[in-house]
Protein backbone atom coordinates (compact mmCIF):
# COMPACT_ATOMS: atom_id res chain seq x y z
CA UNK A 1 39.07 23.62 57.18
CA UNK A 2 39.43 23.85 60.76
CA UNK A 3 36.60 21.85 62.85
CA UNK A 4 34.02 23.23 65.24
CA UNK A 5 34.67 23.22 68.81
CA UNK A 6 32.28 21.94 71.17
CA UNK A 7 29.95 24.75 73.02
CA UNK A 8 29.92 23.87 76.05
CA UNK A 9 26.25 24.53 77.97
CA UNK A 10 26.55 27.70 80.57
CA UNK A 11 25.61 27.33 83.65
CA UNK A 12 23.92 30.15 84.89
CA UNK A 13 23.45 30.92 89.06
CA UNK A 14 24.70 33.92 92.57
CA UNK A 15 26.20 31.82 94.98
CA UNK A 16 29.17 32.31 97.46
CA UNK A 17 32.60 33.51 96.79
CA UNK A 18 34.81 33.32 100.07
CA UNK A 19 38.55 34.44 99.68
CA UNK A 20 40.77 35.82 102.45
CA UNK A 21 38.49 37.98 104.66
CA UNK A 22 36.11 38.22 102.40
CA UNK A 23 32.59 36.00 102.10
CA UNK A 24 29.75 37.06 99.88
CA UNK A 25 26.96 36.60 97.09
CA UNK A 26 28.23 36.84 93.67
CA UNK A 27 27.11 35.94 90.08
CA UNK A 28 28.47 33.63 88.12
CA UNK A 29 28.69 31.75 84.49
CA UNK A 30 30.47 28.25 84.29
CA UNK A 31 31.39 27.05 80.81
CA UNK A 32 30.12 23.17 80.97
CA UNK A 33 28.19 20.57 84.06
CA UNK A 34 29.62 21.64 87.04
CA UNK A 35 27.59 18.89 89.06
CA UNK A 36 29.75 16.02 85.87
CA UNK A 37 32.89 17.49 87.33
CA UNK A 38 35.50 15.36 89.21
CA UNK A 39 38.42 15.03 91.77
CA UNK A 40 41.26 15.25 89.32
CA UNK A 41 43.28 17.64 87.20
CA UNK A 42 40.27 17.96 84.79
CA UNK A 43 38.87 22.09 84.84
CA UNK A 44 36.34 24.23 84.59
CA UNK A 45 36.26 27.77 83.49
CA UNK A 46 33.65 30.14 84.31
CA UNK A 47 33.37 34.25 85.22
CA UNK A 48 32.62 35.94 88.07
CA UNK A 49 30.70 39.12 88.57
CA UNK A 50 30.57 41.00 91.36
CA UNK A 51 31.81 44.82 92.35
CA UNK A 52 34.41 46.39 90.56
CA UNK A 53 36.30 46.64 93.90
CA UNK A 54 35.79 42.75 95.65
CA UNK A 55 36.20 41.16 91.94
CA UNK A 56 39.91 42.53 91.91
CA UNK A 57 40.71 41.97 95.36
CA UNK A 58 39.48 38.32 94.06
CA UNK A 59 42.22 38.96 91.44
CA UNK A 60 45.09 39.39 93.42
CA UNK A 61 43.52 36.53 95.99
CA UNK A 62 44.50 34.42 93.31
CA UNK A 63 42.99 31.45 94.93
CA UNK A 64 39.28 31.48 96.68
CA UNK A 65 36.22 29.24 97.08
CA UNK A 66 32.95 29.91 95.41
CA UNK A 67 29.82 27.78 96.62
CA UNK A 68 27.33 27.03 93.48
CA UNK A 69 23.47 27.47 94.28
CA UNK A 70 22.55 24.22 94.81
CA UNK A 71 24.77 23.96 97.70
CA UNK A 72 28.46 22.52 96.35
CA UNK A 73 31.69 24.03 97.15
CA UNK A 74 34.46 24.47 94.82
CA UNK A 75 37.89 25.63 94.32
CA UNK A 76 39.22 28.33 91.87
CA UNK A 77 41.85 29.67 90.77
CA UNK A 78 41.09 33.63 89.39
CA UNK A 79 43.81 34.11 86.65
CA UNK A 80 42.47 37.63 84.82
CA UNK A 81 40.21 40.92 85.56
CA UNK A 82 40.79 44.82 83.97
CA UNK A 83 41.05 46.91 85.79
CA UNK A 84 38.01 48.79 87.27
CA UNK A 85 35.54 45.44 85.67
CA UNK A 86 33.23 43.78 87.71
CA UNK A 87 34.31 40.67 85.69
CA UNK A 88 36.91 37.74 86.76
CA UNK A 89 37.60 34.85 85.13
CA UNK A 90 38.45 31.67 86.42
CA UNK A 91 39.06 28.07 86.40
CA UNK A 92 37.42 26.11 89.13
CA UNK A 93 38.05 22.17 90.07
CA UNK A 94 36.94 20.35 93.39
């Protein structure tokens, strides 16, 4: 019998994404509570929604900063993106 995994709450909003030569608004979804994230190795996963070009550029850049609606800045590592998609997937940390 498999054990059901605890579902993390989704934290949705609009924020500011910054990476090599780009600064602009994106929508995001983070699984878990970002305000509870502390300095260290723990990370939360999420996704950002923008134009297909911006999502692809963020994936190519690899590292970026995402400022959430409440003004909290987080470092993100963009882990995945499908060609033509307007969604990129990331891990965030303090």
